[in-house]
Amino acid sequence: MNTEKFDVVILGGGNAGIGVTGPVRRAGMSVAMIESHDLGGTCPNRGCTPKKVLVAAGHALHEIERAAVHHISVGKPKLDWSALIDREKDLIKDIPANLARSMARRDVEVIKDHATFAGPNAICVGDRRLEAKHIVIATGSMPRRLPIPGAEHMITSDEMLSERELPGSVIFVGGGVISLEFGHVYARAGADVTILEALPQLLPAMDVDAVARIQTESERIGIRVKTGVSVKRIEPANNRLRVVFTHQGTEHMAEADRIVNGAGRVANIDTLDLAAGRVEHGNGRVAVDCHLRSTSNPAVYVCGDALPISPQLSPIATYEGDIVGRNIVEGPKYSPDYASMAT
């Protein structure tokens, strides 16, 4: 295996990793970026951007519903779900290629493969070994795996964005942002929607009064919400899927055409072999100092979802990537100020 040397190797080609490339390339550093999926990461390909197409359709249905308030008479709207998915795919299809051209213009070598650490300053990717003065972990996140029997029957938001047929009924396991946003779209499109949340309230990190208003509106449009539940198993039933859960000490069952894992996302670092890179980590995140540098390996910086302090939002990831890039070029002197960030 030949060894190739770079100034910077970036693991991940999403917002965070791309954010690193600006400062380091302006400084003339040689850069390799390793991404096993599409450039751009979750947000433009499987998250924010395609989701907004569906959410916009939901908003349009809501405005038509409100037409009567303005004394406007309209017929009942019908949503062509398959055509909506076609529109969503059409809007995002060129993003990875456009980003690849952008990276080529910056003279960043993009390698489409999976990376693992091979030492404190080394990465293995395919049959290549890359050594670098600086390695950046910017690998984004993935859906949280739920340790319940039958979890393999669930789909994630990734699959939802590709389903060409609107299911008649959907159960979301988890009451976070993904479940609420998709749940409202599906409910307004005519699906029967249930949200099951383990904690006492939906959106547990958000303001209690705001969440109460969201839950009221959710129930107004027909979404069933149950909090304080414990999902025990998921199983096939009558050509559908059944969720068995307990609520206030009593066992219940609910059936639907689709069951969605809406339990949030976790950092995508499990397969990097961080131990080989001498990168300290815990609770699914990498330990860093205030300059976003690994506390155990000074050659490694981190930005995006693998940070223990990151709000896990795309604009934040880009901001963190820029800070990491400047710290690589100028030395570790910049720290993120999240209070100043508009998201």
C-alpha atoms as a PDB file:
ATOM      1  CA  MET A   1       0.000   0.000   0.000  1.00  0.00           C
ATOM      2  CA  ASN A   2       1.508   3.299  -1.128  1.00  0.00           C
ATOM      3  CA  THR A   3       1.533   6.246   1.257  1.00  0.00           C
ATOM      4  CA  GLU A   4       0.348   9.637  -0.032  1.00  0.00           C
ATOM      5  CA  LYS A   5       0.941  12.822   1.927  1.00  0.00           C
ATOM      6  CA  PHE A   6      -1.461  15.764   2.315  1.00  0.00           C
ATOM      7  CA  ASP A   7      -1.532  18.790   4.542  1.00  0.00           C
ATOM      8  CA  VAL A   8      -5.200  18.169   5.402  1.00  0.00           C
ATOM      9  CA  VAL A   9      -7.446  15.126   5.083  1.00  0.00           C
ATOM     10  CA  ILE A  10     -11.149  15.785   5.667  1.00  0.00           C
ATOM     11  CA  LEU A  11     -13.438  12.894   6.578  1.00  0.00           C
ATOM     12  CA  GLY A  12     -16.853  13.862   5.277  1.00  0.00           C
ATOM     13  CA  GLY A  13     -18.104  15.973   2.382  1.00  0.00           C
ATOM     14  CA  GLY A  14     -21.075  17.731   3.959  1.00  0.00           C
ATOM     15  CA  ASN A  15     -21.483  21.307   5.154  1.00  0.00           C
ATOM     16  CA  ALA A  16     -18.834  20.975   7.862  1.00  0.00           C
ATOM     17  CA  GLY A  17     -16.182  19.388   5.677  1.00  0.00           C
ATOM     18  CA  ILE A  18     -16.780  21.771   2.786  1.00  0.00           C
ATOM     19  CA  GLY A  19     -16.550  24.674   5.252  1.00  0.00           C
ATOM     20  CA  VAL A  20     -13.001  23.609   6.114  1.00  0.00           C
ATOM     21  CA  THR A  21     -11.795  23.746   2.505  1.00  0.00           C
ATOM     22  CA  GLY A  22     -12.054  27.512   2.022  1.00  0.00           C
ATOM     23  CA  PRO A  23      -9.434  28.682   4.566  1.00  0.00           C
ATOM     24  CA  VAL A  24      -7.010  25.809   3.996  1.00  0.00           C
ATOM     25  CA  ARG A  25      -7.033  26.046   0.220  1.00  0.00           C
ATOM     26  CA  ARG A  26      -6.624  29.838   0.323  1.00  0.00           C
ATOM     27  CA  ALA A  27      -3.508  29.130   2.387  1.00  0.00           C
ATOM     28  CA  GLY A  28      -2.216  26.816  -0.342  1.00  0.00           C
ATOM     29  CA  MET A  29      -2.510  23.595   1.640  1.00  0.00           C
ATOM     30  CA  SER A  30      -3.003  20.258  -0.131  1.00  0.00           C
ATOM     31  CA  VAL A  31      -6.372  18.735   0.724  1.00  0.00           C
ATOM     32  CA  ALA A  32      -8.100  15.371   0.299  1.00  0.00           C
ATOM     33  CA  MET A  33     -11.777  14.923   1.133  1.00  0.00           C
ATOM     34  CA  ILE A  34     -13.221  11.444   1.703  1.00  0.00           C
ATOM     35  CA  GLU A  35     -16.979  10.975   1.342  1.00  0.00           C
ATOM     36  CA  SER A  36     -18.682   7.600   0.948  1.00  0.00           C
ATOM     37  CA  HIS A  37     -22.019   9.023  -0.200  1.00  0.00           C
ATOM     38  CA  ASP A  38     -23.046  12.139  -2.134  1.00  0.00           C
ATOM     39  CA  LEU A  39     -21.200  15.398  -1.614  1.00  0.00           C
ATOM     40  CA  GLY A  40     -23.264  17.824   0.422  1.00  0.00           C
ATOM     41  CA  GLY A  41     -24.152  15.350   3.134  1.00  0.00           C
ATOM     42  CA  THR A  42     -27.550  14.977   4.755  1.00  0.00           C
ATOM     43  CA  CYS A  43     -28.974  18.489   4.450  1.00  0.00           C
ATOM     44  CA  PRO A  44     -29.182  18.969   0.661  1.00  0.00           C
ATOM     45  CA  ASN A  45     -29.535  15.293  -0.268  1.00  0.00           C
ATOM     46  CA  ARG A  46     -31.595  13.607   2.463  1.00  0.00           C
ATOM     47  CA  GLY A  47     -32.629  16.365   4.862  1.00  0.00           C
ATOM     48  CA  CYS A  48     -33.360  20.073   4.908  1.00  0.00           C
ATOM     49  CA  THR A  49     -33.605  20.788   1.178  1.00  0.00           C
ATOM     50  CA  PRO A  50     -35.811  17.916  -0.037  1.00  0.00           C
ATOM     51  CA  LYS A  51     -37.872  18.099   3.153  1.00  0.00           C
ATOM     52  CA  LYS A  52     -38.709  21.739   2.434  1.00  0.00           C
ATOM     53  CA  VAL A  53     -40.379  20.704  -0.825  1.00  0.00           C
ATOM     54  CA  LEU A  54     -42.770  18.487   1.113  1.00  0.00           C
ATOM     55  CA  VAL A  55     -43.263  21.047   3.885  1.00  0.00           C
ATOM     56  CA  ALA A  56     -44.090  23.740   1.302  1.00  0.00           C
ATOM     57  CA  ALA A  57     -46.804  21.490  -0.114  1.00  0.00           C
ATOM     58  CA  GLY A  58     -48.176  21.019   3.396  1.00  0.00           C
ATOM     59  CA  HIS A  59     -48.214  24.778   3.933  1.00  0.00           C
ATOM     60  CA  ALA A  60     -50.053  25.254   0.621  1.00  0.00           C
ATOM     61  CA  LEU A  61     -52.717  22.775   1.708  1.00  0.00           C
ATOM     62  CA  HIS A  62     -53.016  24.641   5.009  1.00  0.00           C
ATOM     63  CA  GLU A  63     -53.526  27.991   3.235  1.00  0.00           C
ATOM     64  CA  ILE A  64     -56.217  26.478   1.017  1.00  0.00           C
ATOM     65  CA  GLU A  65     -57.900  25.196   4.172  1.00  0.00           C
ATOM     66  CA  ARG A  66     -57.878  28.753   5.552  1.00  0.00           C
ATOM     67  CA  ALA A  67     -59.411  30.249   2.422  1.00  0.00           C
ATOM     68  CA  ALA A  68     -62.882  30.211   3.986  1.00  0.00           C
ATOM     69  CA  VAL A  69     -61.669  32.667   6.643  1.00  0.00           C
ATOM     70  CA  HIS A  70     -61.276  35.178   3.803  1.00  0.00           C
ATOM     71  CA  HIS A  71     -64.688  34.250   2.304  1.00  0.00           C
ATOM     72  CA  ILE A  72     -63.061  32.375  -0.562  1.00  0.00           C
ATOM     73  CA  SER A  73     -64.805  29.209  -1.714  1.00  0.00           C
ATOM     74  CA  VAL A  74     -62.538  26.479  -3.095  1.00  0.00           C
ATOM     75  CA  GLY A  75     -62.965  22.787  -3.697  1.00  0.00           C
ATOM     76  CA  LYS A  76     -61.162  20.141  -1.684  1.00  0.00           C
ATOM     77  CA  PRO A  77     -57.543  20.030  -2.929  1.00  0.00           C
ATOM     78  CA  LYS A  78     -55.933  16.791  -4.083  1.00  0.00           C
ATOM     79  CA  LEU A  79     -52.200  16.272  -3.694  1.00  0.00           C
ATOM     80  CA  ASP A  80     -50.379  14.215  -6.337  1.00  0.00           C
ATOM     81  CA  TRP A  81     -47.817  12.651  -4.007  1.00  0.00           C
ATOM     82  CA  SER A  82     -45.833  10.898  -6.737  1.00  0.00           C
ATOM     83  CA  ALA A  83     -45.455  14.143  -8.697  1.00  0.00           C
ATOM     84  CA  LEU A  84     -44.401  15.939  -5.504  1.00  0.00           C
ATOM     85  CA  ILE A  85     -41.621  13.382  -4.927  1.00  0.00           C
ATOM     86  CA  ASP A  86     -40.566  13.824  -8.573  1.00  0.00           C
ATOM     87  CA  ARG A  87     -40.314  17.576  -7.997  1.00  0.00           C
ATOM     88  CA  GLU A  88     -38.290  17.050  -4.821  1.00  0.00           C
ATOM     89  CA  LYS A  89     -35.843  14.731  -6.606  1.00  0.00           C
ATOM     90  CA  ASP A  90     -35.558  17.100  -9.571  1.00  0.00           C
ATOM     91  CA  LEU A  91     -34.638  20.025  -7.322  1.00  0.00           C
ATOM     92  CA  ILE A  92     -31.778  18.192  -5.591  1.00  0.00           C
ATOM     93  CA  LYS A  93     -30.430  15.945  -8.352  1.00  0.00           C
ATOM     94  CA  ASP A  94     -27.636  18.287  -9.484  1.00  0.00           C
ATOM     95  CA  ILE A  95     -26.359  19.245  -6.016  1.00  0.00           C
ATOM     96  CA  PRO A  96     -23.628  16.563  -5.642  1.00  0.00           C
ATOM     97  CA  ALA A  97     -22.267  17.205  -9.156  1.00  0.00           C
ATOM     98  CA  ASN A  98     -22.252  20.965  -8.607  1.00  0.00           C
ATOM     99  CA  LEU A  99     -20.365  20.521  -5.343  1.00  0.00           C
ATOM    100  CA  ALA A 100     -17.896  18.154  -7.025  1.00  0.00           C
ATOM    101  CA  ARG A 101     -17.150  20.857  -9.591  1.00  0.00           C
ATOM    102  CA  SER A 102     -16.740  23.393  -6.787  1.00  0.00           C
ATOM    103  CA  MET A 103     -14.249  21.141  -4.994  1.00  0.00           C
ATOM    104  CA  ALA A 104     -12.374  20.566  -8.253  1.00  0.00           C
ATOM    105  CA  ARG A 105     -12.084  24.331  -8.749  1.00  0.00           C
ATOM    106  CA  ARG A 106     -10.585  24.541  -5.247  1.00  0.00           C
ATOM    107  CA  ASP A 107      -8.176  21.739  -6.185  1.00  0.00           C
ATOM    108  CA  VAL A 108      -9.525  19.474  -3.448  1.00  0.00           C
ATOM    109  CA  GLU A 109      -9.109  15.783  -4.236  1.00  0.00           C
ATOM    110  CA  VAL A 110     -12.431  14.064  -3.523  1.00  0.00           C
ATOM    111  CA  ILE A 111     -12.292  10.326  -2.825  1.00  0.00           C
ATOM    112  CA  LYS A 112     -15.610   8.449  -2.821  1.00  0.00           C
ATOM    113  CA  ASP A 113     -15.000   5.648  -0.347  1.00  0.00           C
ATOM    114  CA  HIS A 114     -15.093   4.804   3.347  1.00  0.00           C
ATOM    115  CA  ALA A 115     -12.245   5.983   5.601  1.00  0.00           C
ATOM    116  CA  THR A 116     -10.759   4.561   8.790  1.00  0.00           C
ATOM    117  CA  PHE A 117      -7.886   5.733  10.961  1.00  0.00           C
ATOM    118  CA  ALA A 118      -4.619   3.852  10.502  1.00  0.00           C
ATOM    119  CA  GLY A 119      -2.641   5.869  13.052  1.00  0.00           C
ATOM    120  CA  PRO A 120      -2.614   9.312  14.700  1.00  0.00           C
ATOM    121  CA  ASN A 121      -1.817  11.005  11.370  1.00  0.00           C
ATOM    122  CA  ALA A 122      -2.918   8.324   8.906  1.00  0.00           C
ATOM    123  CA  ILE A 123      -6.099   7.280   7.116  1.00  0.00           C
ATOM    124  CA  CYS A 124      -6.841   4.137   5.120  1.00  0.00           C
ATOM    125  CA  VAL A 125      -9.288   4.516   2.244  1.00  0.00           C
ATOM    126  CA  GLY A 126      -9.720   1.605  -0.125  1.00  0.00           C
ATOM    127  CA  ASP A 127      -6.215   0.441  -1.061  1.00  0.00           C
ATOM    128  CA  ARG A 128      -4.668   3.830  -0.268  1.00  0.00           C
ATOM    129  CA  ARG A 129      -2.953   5.123   2.847  1.00  0.00           C
ATOM    130  CA  LEU A 130      -3.067   8.893   3.363  1.00  0.00           C
ATOM    131  CA  GLU A 131      -0.882  10.695   5.869  1.00  0.00           C
ATOM    132  CA  ALA A 132      -1.657  14.267   6.882  1.00  0.00           C
ATOM    133  CA  LYS A 133      -0.488  16.972   9.243  1.00  0.00           C
ATOM    134  CA  HIS A 134      -4.148  17.607  10.069  1.00  0.00           C
ATOM    135  CA  ILE A 135      -7.160  15.291   9.945  1.00  0.00           C
ATOM    136  CA  VAL A 136     -10.699  16.654  10.247  1.00  0.00           C
ATOM    137  CA  ILE A 137     -13.636  14.542  11.416  1.00  0.00           C
ATOM    138  CA  ALA A 138     -16.724  15.950   9.682  1.00  0.00           C
ATOM    139  CA  THR A 139     -18.689  12.770   9.078  1.00  0.00           C
ATOM    140  CA  GLY A 140     -22.156  14.059   9.935  1.00  0.00           C
ATOM    141  CA  SER A 141     -24.886  11.976  11.512  1.00  0.00           C
ATOM    142  CA  MET A 142     -27.155   9.001  10.908  1.00  0.00           C
ATOM    143  CA  PRO A 143     -30.551   7.918  12.277  1.00  0.00           C
ATOM    144  CA  ARG A 144     -30.372   6.656  15.855  1.00  0.00           C
ATOM    145  CA  ARG A 145     -30.776   2.887  16.056  1.00  0.00           C
ATOM    146  CA  LEU A 146     -33.527   1.813  18.420  1.00  0.00           C
ATOM    147  CA  PRO A 147     -32.819  -1.317  20.508  1.00  0.00           C
ATOM    148  CA  ILE A 148     -36.286  -2.816  20.251  1.00  0.00           C
ATOM    149  CA  PRO A 149     -37.394  -6.117  18.714  1.00  0.00           C
ATOM    150  CA  GLY A 150     -38.618  -5.602  15.156  1.00  0.00           C
ATOM    151  CA  ALA A 151     -36.751  -2.305  14.661  1.00  0.00           C
ATOM    152  CA  GLU A 152     -35.715  -3.559  11.218  1.00  0.00           C
ATOM    153  CA  HIS A 153     -39.306  -2.992  10.058  1.00  0.00           C
ATOM    154  CA  MET A 154     -39.005   0.769  10.565  1.00  0.00           C
ATOM    155  CA  ILE A 155     -38.028   3.242   7.887  1.00  0.00           C
ATOM    156  CA  THR A 156     -36.204   6.550   8.371  1.00  0.00           C
ATOM    157  CA  SER A 157     -36.693  10.011   6.938  1.00  0.00           C
ATOM    158  CA  ASP A 158     -34.254   8.990   4.159  1.00  0.00           C
ATOM    159  CA  GLU A 159     -36.743   6.419   2.851  1.00  0.00           C
ATOM    160  CA  MET A 160     -39.708   8.731   3.390  1.00  0.00           C
ATOM    161  CA  LEU A 161     -38.219  11.223   0.960  1.00  0.00           C
ATOM    162  CA  SER A 162     -38.202   8.550  -1.753  1.00  0.00           C
ATOM    163  CA  GLU A 163     -41.614   6.929  -1.209  1.00  0.00           C
ATOM    164  CA  ARG A 164     -43.655   7.540  -4.357  1.00  0.00           C
ATOM    165  CA  GLU A 165     -46.932   6.413  -2.807  1.00  0.00           C
ATOM    166  CA  LEU A 166     -48.533   8.214   0.130  1.00  0.00           C
ATOM    167  CA  PRO A 167     -49.164   5.640   2.875  1.00  0.00           C
ATOM    168  CA  GLY A 168     -52.627   5.540   4.347  1.00  0.00           C
ATOM    169  CA  SER A 169     -51.290   5.528   7.891  1.00  0.00           C
ATOM    170  CA  VAL A 170     -47.986   6.295   9.608  1.00  0.00           C
ATOM    171  CA  ILE A 171     -46.727   5.861  13.172  1.00  0.00           C
ATOM    172  CA  PHE A 172     -43.674   7.873  14.238  1.00  0.00           C
ATOM    173  CA  VAL A 173     -41.613   6.430  17.087  1.00  0.00           C
ATOM    174  CA  GLY A 174     -40.103   9.520  18.666  1.00  0.00           C
ATOM    175  CA  GLY A 175     -41.535  13.008  19.020  1.00  0.00           C
ATOM    176  CA  GLY A 176     -38.732  15.202  17.749  1.00  0.00           C
ATOM    177  CA  VAL A 177     -38.426  17.673  14.885  1.00  0.00           C
ATOM    178  CA  ILE A 178     -38.356  15.023  12.141  1.00  0.00           C
ATOM    179  CA  SER A 179     -41.581  13.405  13.365  1.00  0.00           C
ATOM    180  CA  LEU A 180     -43.408  16.713  13.753  1.00  0.00           C
ATOM    181  CA  GLU A 181     -42.412  18.121  10.369  1.00  0.00           C
ATOM    182  CA  PHE A 182     -43.098  14.954   8.410  1.00  0.00           C
ATOM    183  CA  GLY A 183     -46.142  14.177  10.520  1.00  0.00           C
ATOM    184  CA  HIS A 184     -47.775  17.488   9.613  1.00  0.00           C
ATOM    185  CA  VAL A 185     -47.024  16.996   5.909  1.00  0.00           C
ATOM    186  CA  TYR A 186     -48.466  13.474   5.920  1.00  0.00           C
ATOM    187  CA  ALA A 187     -51.531  14.484   7.934  1.00  0.00           C
ATOM    188  CA  ARG A 188     -52.336  17.431   5.658  1.00  0.00           C
ATOM    189  CA  ALA A 189     -51.872  15.145   2.638  1.00  0.00           C
ATOM    190  CA  GLY A 190     -54.544  12.818   4.050  1.00  0.00           C
ATOM    191  CA  ALA A 191     -52.631  10.130   5.951  1.00  0.00           C
ATOM    192  CA  ASP A 192     -53.597   8.910   9.408  1.00  0.00           C
ATOM    193  CA  VAL A 193     -50.709   9.920  11.719  1.00  0.00           C
ATOM    194  CA  THR A 194     -49.706   8.889  15.242  1.00  0.00           C
ATOM    195  CA  ILE A 195     -46.659  10.105  17.176  1.00  0.00           C
ATOM    196  CA  LEU A 196     -45.315   8.102  20.143  1.00  0.00           C
ATOM    197  CA  GLU A 197     -42.842   9.843  22.467  1.00  0.00           C
ATOM    198  CA  ALA A 198     -41.086   8.273  25.455  1.00  0.00           C
ATOM    199  CA  LEU A 199     -40.622  11.527  27.391  1.00  0.00           C
ATOM    200  CA  PRO A 200     -43.420  13.569  29.001  1.00  0.00           C
ATOM    201  CA  GLN A 201     -43.541  16.124  26.153  1.00  0.00           C
ATOM    202  CA  LEU A 202     -42.877  16.373  22.444  1.00  0.00           C
ATOM    203  CA  LEU A 203     -39.736  18.231  21.325  1.00  0.00           C
ATOM    204  CA  PRO A 204     -38.205  17.840  24.794  1.00  0.00           C
ATOM    205  CA  ALA A 205     -35.426  20.391  24.221  1.00  0.00           C
ATOM    206  CA  MET A 206     -37.843  23.192  23.328  1.00  0.00           C
ATOM    207  CA  ASP A 207     -39.859  25.723  25.313  1.00  0.00           C
ATOM    208  CA  VAL A 208     -42.805  24.135  27.118  1.00  0.00           C
ATOM    209  CA  ASP A 209     -45.349  26.797  26.055  1.00  0.00           C
ATOM    210  CA  ALA A 210     -44.264  26.628  22.417  1.00  0.00           C
ATOM    211  CA  VAL A 211     -44.493  22.837  22.439  1.00  0.00           C
ATOM    212  CA  ALA A 212     -47.997  23.009  23.925  1.00  0.00           C
ATOM    213  CA  ARG A 213     -49.131  25.159  20.984  1.00  0.00           C
ATOM    214  CA  ILE A 214     -47.491  22.790  18.498  1.00  0.00           C
ATOM    215  CA  GLN A 215     -49.193  19.797  20.094  1.00  0.00           C
ATOM    216  CA  THR A 216     -52.576  21.565  20.067  1.00  0.00           C
ATOM    217  CA  GLU A 217     -52.239  22.345  16.359  1.00  0.00           C
ATOM    218  CA  SER A 218     -51.021  18.813  15.652  1.00  0.00           C
ATOM    219  CA  GLU A 219     -54.076  17.332  17.307  1.00  0.00           C
ATOM    220  CA  ARG A 220     -56.335  19.847  15.560  1.00  0.00           C
ATOM    221  CA  ILE A 221     -55.294  18.512  12.150  1.00  0.00           C
ATOM    222  CA  GLY A 222     -55.869  14.936  13.299  1.00  0.00           C
ATOM    223  CA  ILE A 223     -52.478  13.765  14.552  1.00  0.00           C
ATOM    224  CA  ARG A 224     -52.720  11.472  17.561  1.00  0.00           C
ATOM    225  CA  VAL A 225     -50.018  12.226  20.125  1.00  0.00           C
ATOM    226  CA  LYS A 226     -49.052   9.962  23.006  1.00  0.00           C
ATOM    227  CA  THR A 227     -46.237  10.925  25.371  1.00  0.00           C
ATOM    228  CA  GLY A 228     -44.707   8.901  28.199  1.00  0.00           C
ATOM    229  CA  VAL A 229     -44.891   5.672  26.212  1.00  0.00           C
ATOM    230  CA  SER A 230     -42.460   2.763  26.045  1.00  0.00           C
ATOM    231  CA  VAL A 231     -42.332   0.915  22.729  1.00  0.00           C
ATOM    232  CA  LYS A 232     -41.841  -2.810  23.346  1.00  0.00           C
ATOM    233  CA  ARG A 233     -41.753  -4.311  19.869  1.00  0.00           C
ATOM    234  CA  ILE A 234     -42.736  -3.933  16.231  1.00  0.00           C
ATOM    235  CA  GLU A 235     -44.200  -6.843  14.299  1.00  0.00           C
ATOM    236  CA  PRO A 236     -45.965  -7.612  11.002  1.00  0.00           C
ATOM    237  CA  ALA A 237     -49.751  -7.804  11.296  1.00  0.00           C
ATOM    238  CA  ASN A 238     -52.497  -8.088   8.663  1.00  0.00           C
ATOM    239  CA  ASN A 239     -50.223  -6.944   5.804  1.00  0.00           C
ATOM    240  CA  ARG A 240     -49.346  -3.909   7.897  1.00  0.00           C
ATOM    241  CA  LEU A 241     -47.099  -3.259  10.895  1.00  0.00           C
ATOM    242  CA  ARG A 242     -48.044  -3.249  14.559  1.00  0.00           C
ATOM    243  CA  VAL A 243     -46.400  -1.312  17.390  1.00  0.00           C
ATOM    244  CA  VAL A 244     -46.813  -2.730  20.878  1.00  0.00           C
ATOM    245  CA  PHE A 245     -46.232  -0.151  23.611  1.00  0.00           C
ATOM    246  CA  THR A 246     -47.077   0.594  27.210  1.00  0.00           C
ATOM    247  CA  HIS A 247     -48.667   3.817  28.422  1.00  0.00           C
ATOM    248  CA  GLN A 248     -49.359   4.505  32.098  1.00  0.00           C
ATOM    249  CA  GLY A 249     -48.734   0.854  32.919  1.00  0.00           C
ATOM    250  CA  THR A 250     -51.132  -0.556  30.313  1.00  0.00           C
ATOM    251  CA  GLU A 251     -50.158  -2.361  27.126  1.00  0.00           C
ATOM    252  CA  HIS A 252     -51.528  -0.958  23.870  1.00  0.00           C
ATOM    253  CA  MET A 253     -51.245  -1.813  20.174  1.00  0.00           C
ATOM    254  CA  ALA A 254     -51.460   0.344  17.068  1.00  0.00           C
ATOM    255  CA  GLU A 255     -51.190  -0.606  13.398  1.00  0.00           C
ATOM    256  CA  ALA A 256     -50.068   1.375  10.357  1.00  0.00           C
ATOM    257  CA  ASP A 257     -48.767   1.008   6.811  1.00  0.00           C
ATOM    258  CA  ARG A 258     -45.440   2.568   7.780  1.00  0.00           C
ATOM    259  CA  ILE A 259     -43.579   2.922  11.060  1.00  0.00           C
ATOM    260  CA  VAL A 260     -40.924   5.619  11.079  1.00  0.00           C
ATOM    261  CA  ASN A 261     -37.865   5.880  13.293  1.00  0.00           C
ATOM    262  CA  GLY A 262     -38.186   9.475  14.474  1.00  0.00           C
ATOM    263  CA  ALA A 263     -35.877   9.087  17.476  1.00  0.00           C
ATOM    264  CA  GLY A 264     -33.318  11.588  16.230  1.00  0.00           C
ATOM    265  CA  ARG A 265     -29.813  11.269  14.854  1.00  0.00           C
ATOM    266  CA  VAL A 266     -26.385  10.359  16.249  1.00  0.00           C
ATOM    267  CA  ALA A 267     -22.861  11.157  15.123  1.00  0.00           C
ATOM    268  CA  ASN A 268     -21.589   8.936  12.327  1.00  0.00           C
ATOM    269  CA  ILE A 269     -18.261   7.920  13.907  1.00  0.00           C
ATOM    270  CA  ASP A 270     -18.655   4.261  14.868  1.00  0.00           C
ATOM    271  CA  THR A 271     -16.793   2.860  11.859  1.00  0.00           C
ATOM    272  CA  LEU A 272     -13.826   5.299  11.859  1.00  0.00           C
ATOM    273  CA  ASP A 273     -11.680   3.201  14.251  1.00  0.00           C
ATOM    274  CA  LEU A 274     -11.024   6.233  16.437  1.00  0.00           C
ATOM    275  CA  ALA A 275      -8.889   4.119  18.758  1.00  0.00           C
ATOM    276  CA  ALA A 276      -6.350   3.618  15.960  1.00  0.00           C
ATOM    277  CA  GLY A 277      -6.194   7.399  15.599  1.00  0.00           C
ATOM    278  CA  ARG A 278      -5.814   7.910  19.360  1.00  0.00           C
ATOM    279  CA  VAL A 279      -8.973  10.006  19.304  1.00  0.00           C
ATOM    280  CA  GLU A 280     -10.781  10.106  22.635  1.00  0.00           C
ATOM    281  CA  HIS A 281     -14.552   9.863  22.434  1.00  0.00           C
ATOM    282  CA  GLY A 282     -17.575   9.019  24.545  1.00  0.00           C
ATOM    283  CA  ASN A 283     -21.373   9.027  24.381  1.00  0.00           C
ATOM    284  CA  GLY A 284     -21.186   9.044  20.596  1.00  0.00           C
ATOM    285  CA  ARG A 285     -19.157  12.274  20.326  1.00  0.00           C
ATOM    286  CA  VAL A 286     -15.476  13.219  20.051  1.00  0.00           C
ATOM    287  CA  ALA A 287     -13.828  14.992  23.003  1.00  0.00           C
ATOM    288  CA  VAL A 288     -12.511  18.415  21.920  1.00  0.00           C
ATOM    289  CA  ASP A 289     -11.091  21.588  23.437  1.00  0.00           C
ATOM    290  CA  CYS A 290     -12.530  25.075  22.931  1.00  0.00           C
ATOM    291  CA  HIS A 291     -10.784  25.305  19.529  1.00  0.00           C
ATOM    292  CA  LEU A 292     -12.537  22.159  18.247  1.00  0.00           C
ATOM    293  CA  ARG A 293      -9.299  20.142  18.431  1.00  0.00           C
ATOM    294  CA  SER A 294      -9.198  16.612  19.797  1.00  0.00           C
ATOM    295  CA  THR A 295      -8.154  16.530  23.463  1.00  0.00           C
ATOM    296  CA  SER A 296      -6.093  13.376  22.859  1.00  0.00           C
ATOM    297  CA  ASN A 297      -4.632  13.887  19.366  1.00  0.00           C
ATOM    298  CA  PRO A 298      -3.604  17.451  18.431  1.00  0.00           C
ATOM    299  CA  ALA A 299      -3.505  16.514  14.727  1.00  0.00           C
ATOM    300  CA  VAL A 300      -7.277  15.964  14.698  1.00  0.00           C
ATOM    301  CA  TYR A 301      -9.997  18.608  14.534  1.00  0.00           C
ATOM    302  CA  VAL A 302     -13.742  18.034  14.623  1.00  0.00           C
ATOM    303  CA  CYS A 303     -16.693  19.971  13.196  1.00  0.00           C
ATOM    304  CA  GLY A 304     -20.371  19.246  12.764  1.00  0.00           C
ATOM    305  CA  ASP A 305     -22.434  16.496  14.352  1.00  0.00           C
ATOM    306  CA  ALA A 306     -19.531  14.651  16.030  1.00  0.00           C
ATOM    307  CA  LEU A 307     -18.949  17.595  18.405  1.00  0.00           C
ATOM    308  CA  PRO A 308     -20.365  17.248  21.924  1.00  0.00           C
ATOM    309  CA  ILE A 309     -21.375  20.927  21.924  1.00  0.00           C
ATOM    310  CA  SER A 310     -22.784  21.346  18.416  1.00  0.00           C
ATOM    311  CA  PRO A 311     -26.504  22.140  17.940  1.00  0.00           C
ATOM    312  CA  GLN A 312     -26.421  19.809  14.884  1.00  0.00           C
ATOM    313  CA  LEU A 313     -27.706  22.321  12.341  1.00  0.00           C
ATOM    314  CA  SER A 314     -26.341  22.805   8.822  1.00  0.00           C
ATOM    315  CA  PRO A 315     -25.463  26.526   9.125  1.00  0.00           C
ATOM    316  CA  ILE A 316     -23.677  25.737  12.389  1.00  0.00           C
ATOM    317  CA  ALA A 317     -21.701  22.946  10.730  1.00  0.00           C
ATOM    318  CA  THR A 318     -20.516  25.309   7.973  1.00  0.00           C
ATOM    319  CA  TYR A 319     -19.532  27.863  10.633  1.00  0.00           C
ATOM    320  CA  GLU A 320     -17.616  25.233  12.628  1.00  0.00           C
ATOM    321  CA  GLY A 321     -15.876  24.057   9.473  1.00  0.00           C
ATOM    322  CA  ASP A 322     -14.648  27.570   8.758  1.00  0.00           C
ATOM    323  CA  ILE A 323     -13.341  27.874  12.349  1.00  0.00           C
ATOM    324  CA  VAL A 324     -11.496  24.561  12.034  1.00  0.00           C
ATOM    325  CA  GLY A 325     -10.007  25.661   8.706  1.00  0.00           C
ATOM    326  CA  ARG A 326      -8.735  28.926  10.211  1.00  0.00           C
ATOM    327  CA  ASN A 327      -7.328  27.114  13.234  1.00  0.00           C
ATOM    328  CA  ILE A 328      -5.432  24.731  10.956  1.00  0.00           C
ATOM    329  CA  VAL A 329      -3.969  27.646   9.002  1.00  0.00           C
ATOM    330  CA  GLU A 330      -3.242  30.065  11.853  1.00  0.00           C
ATOM    331  CA  GLY A 331      -2.920  27.793  14.856  1.00  0.00           C
ATOM    332  CA  PRO A 332      -5.613  26.974  17.431  1.00  0.00           C
ATOM    333  CA  LYS A 333      -6.919  30.392  18.434  1.00  0.00           C
ATOM    334  CA  TYR A 334     -10.538  30.551  17.220  1.00  0.00           C
ATOM    335  CA  SER A 335     -13.544  29.204  19.151  1.00  0.00           C
ATOM    336  CA  PRO A 336     -17.197  29.025  18.120  1.00  0.00           C
ATOM    337  CA  ASP A 337     -19.633  31.578  19.537  1.00  0.00           C
ATOM    338  CA  TYR A 338     -23.017  29.933  19.130  1.00  0.00           C
ATOM    339  CA  ALA A 339     -24.869  32.826  20.768  1.00  0.00           C
ATOM    340  CA  SER A 340     -24.021  34.975  17.748  1.00  0.00           C
ATOM    341  CA  MET A 341     -25.303  32.468  15.184  1.00  0.00           C
ATOM    342  CA  ALA A 342     -28.622  32.955  13.424  1.00  0.00           C
ATOM    343  CA  THR A 343     -30.097  29.644  12.281  1.00  0.00           C
END
